[in-house]
Amino acid sequence: MPQNRNKLIELFIGNISNAIVHEILEKAITQEELIEKYDKELLASLSLAKRYREKINPIDKSFPHKDNILKTK
């Protein structure tokens, strides 16, 4: 899993950023049909980000005491 962890973190950040952008666009737009599209995209991005978050650190497990990725030489 360590080799996939960085990729999952990148995907999580990308999807949560996308969700934030869609939230902002949804509030900035006045056309109802565009608001609905941004709302659907927001929910899809947030859902995907939550799944990546669960893979990075499952809810039913505590944080590891030592993270192998942050080893110092």
Protein backbone atom coordinates (compact mmCIF):
# COMPACT_ATOMS: atom_id res chain seq x y z
CA MET A 1 0.00 0.00 0.00
CA PRO A 2 2.81 2.55 0.65
CA GLN A 3 3.54 2.88 -3.06
CA ASN A 4 -0.14 3.61 -3.69
CA ARG A 5 -0.54 5.97 -0.73
CA ASN A 6 0.97 8.99 -2.48
CA LYS A 7 -1.23 8.39 -5.53
CA LEU A 8 -4.33 8.08 -3.32
CA ILE A 9 -3.42 11.31 -1.53
CA GLU A 10 -3.00 13.09 -4.88
CA LEU A 11 -6.36 11.76 -6.08
CA PHE A 12 -8.03 12.76 -2.80
CA ILE A 13 -6.66 16.30 -3.01
CA GLY A 14 -7.69 16.58 -6.66
CA ASN A 15 -11.24 15.42 -5.99
CA ILE A 16 -11.77 17.51 -2.87
CA SER A 17 -10.40 20.56 -4.75
CA ASN A 18 -12.80 19.83 -7.60
CA ALA A 19 -15.68 19.62 -5.13
CA ILE A 20 -14.73 23.00 -3.65
CA VAL A 21 -14.55 24.61 -7.09
CA HIS A 22 -17.99 23.25 -7.98
CA GLU A 23 -19.39 24.54 -4.68
CA ILE A 24 -18.06 28.02 -5.49
CA LEU A 25 -19.36 27.89 -9.07
CA GLU A 26 -22.76 26.68 -7.86
CA LYS A 27 -23.06 29.73 -5.61
CA ALA A 28 -21.74 32.14 -8.27
CA ILE A 29 -24.09 31.05 -11.09
CA THR A 30 -27.66 32.25 -11.41
CA GLN A 31 -28.84 29.91 -14.19
CA GLU A 32 -30.80 27.03 -12.64
CA GLU A 33 -29.73 24.38 -15.17
CA LEU A 34 -26.04 25.15 -14.52
CA ILE A 35 -26.56 25.10 -10.76
CA GLU A 36 -28.00 21.58 -11.01
CA LYS A 37 -25.01 20.39 -13.05
CA TYR A 38 -22.48 21.86 -10.62
CA ASP A 39 -24.39 20.34 -7.70
CA LYS A 40 -24.22 16.87 -9.29
CA GLU A 41 -20.50 17.30 -10.00
CA LEU A 42 -19.91 18.49 -6.44
CA LEU A 43 -21.61 15.40 -4.99
CA ALA A 44 -19.73 13.05 -7.32
CA SER A 45 -16.34 14.61 -6.50
CA LEU A 46 -17.04 14.62 -2.77
CA SER A 47 -18.16 11.00 -2.82
CA LEU A 48 -15.03 9.95 -4.68
CA ALA A 49 -12.82 11.97 -2.31
CA LYS A 50 -14.44 10.23 0.67
CA ARG A 51 -13.68 6.81 -0.85
CA TYR A 52 -10.04 7.78 -1.38
CA ARG A 53 -9.86 9.08 2.18
CA GLU A 54 -11.15 5.74 3.45
CA LYS A 55 -8.43 3.91 1.48
CA ILE A 56 -5.72 6.23 2.80
CA ASN A 57 -6.75 5.85 6.45
CA PRO A 58 -9.75 3.60 7.18
CA ILE A 59 -12.23 5.03 9.67
CA ASP A 60 -12.14 1.99 11.96
CA LYS A 61 -8.34 2.19 12.41
CA SER A 62 -6.30 4.75 14.29
CA PHE A 63 -3.46 6.70 12.72
CA PRO A 64 -0.22 4.73 12.59
CA HIS A 65 2.34 5.74 15.20
CA LYS A 66 5.03 5.84 12.56
CA ASP A 67 4.47 6.66 8.91
CA ASN A 68 6.88 4.73 6.69
CA ILE A 69 6.70 7.41 4.00
CA LEU A 70 8.18 10.07 6.26
CA LYS A 71 11.34 8.16 7.17
CA THR A 72 14.39 10.29 7.71
CA LYS A 73 17.77 9.09 6.55
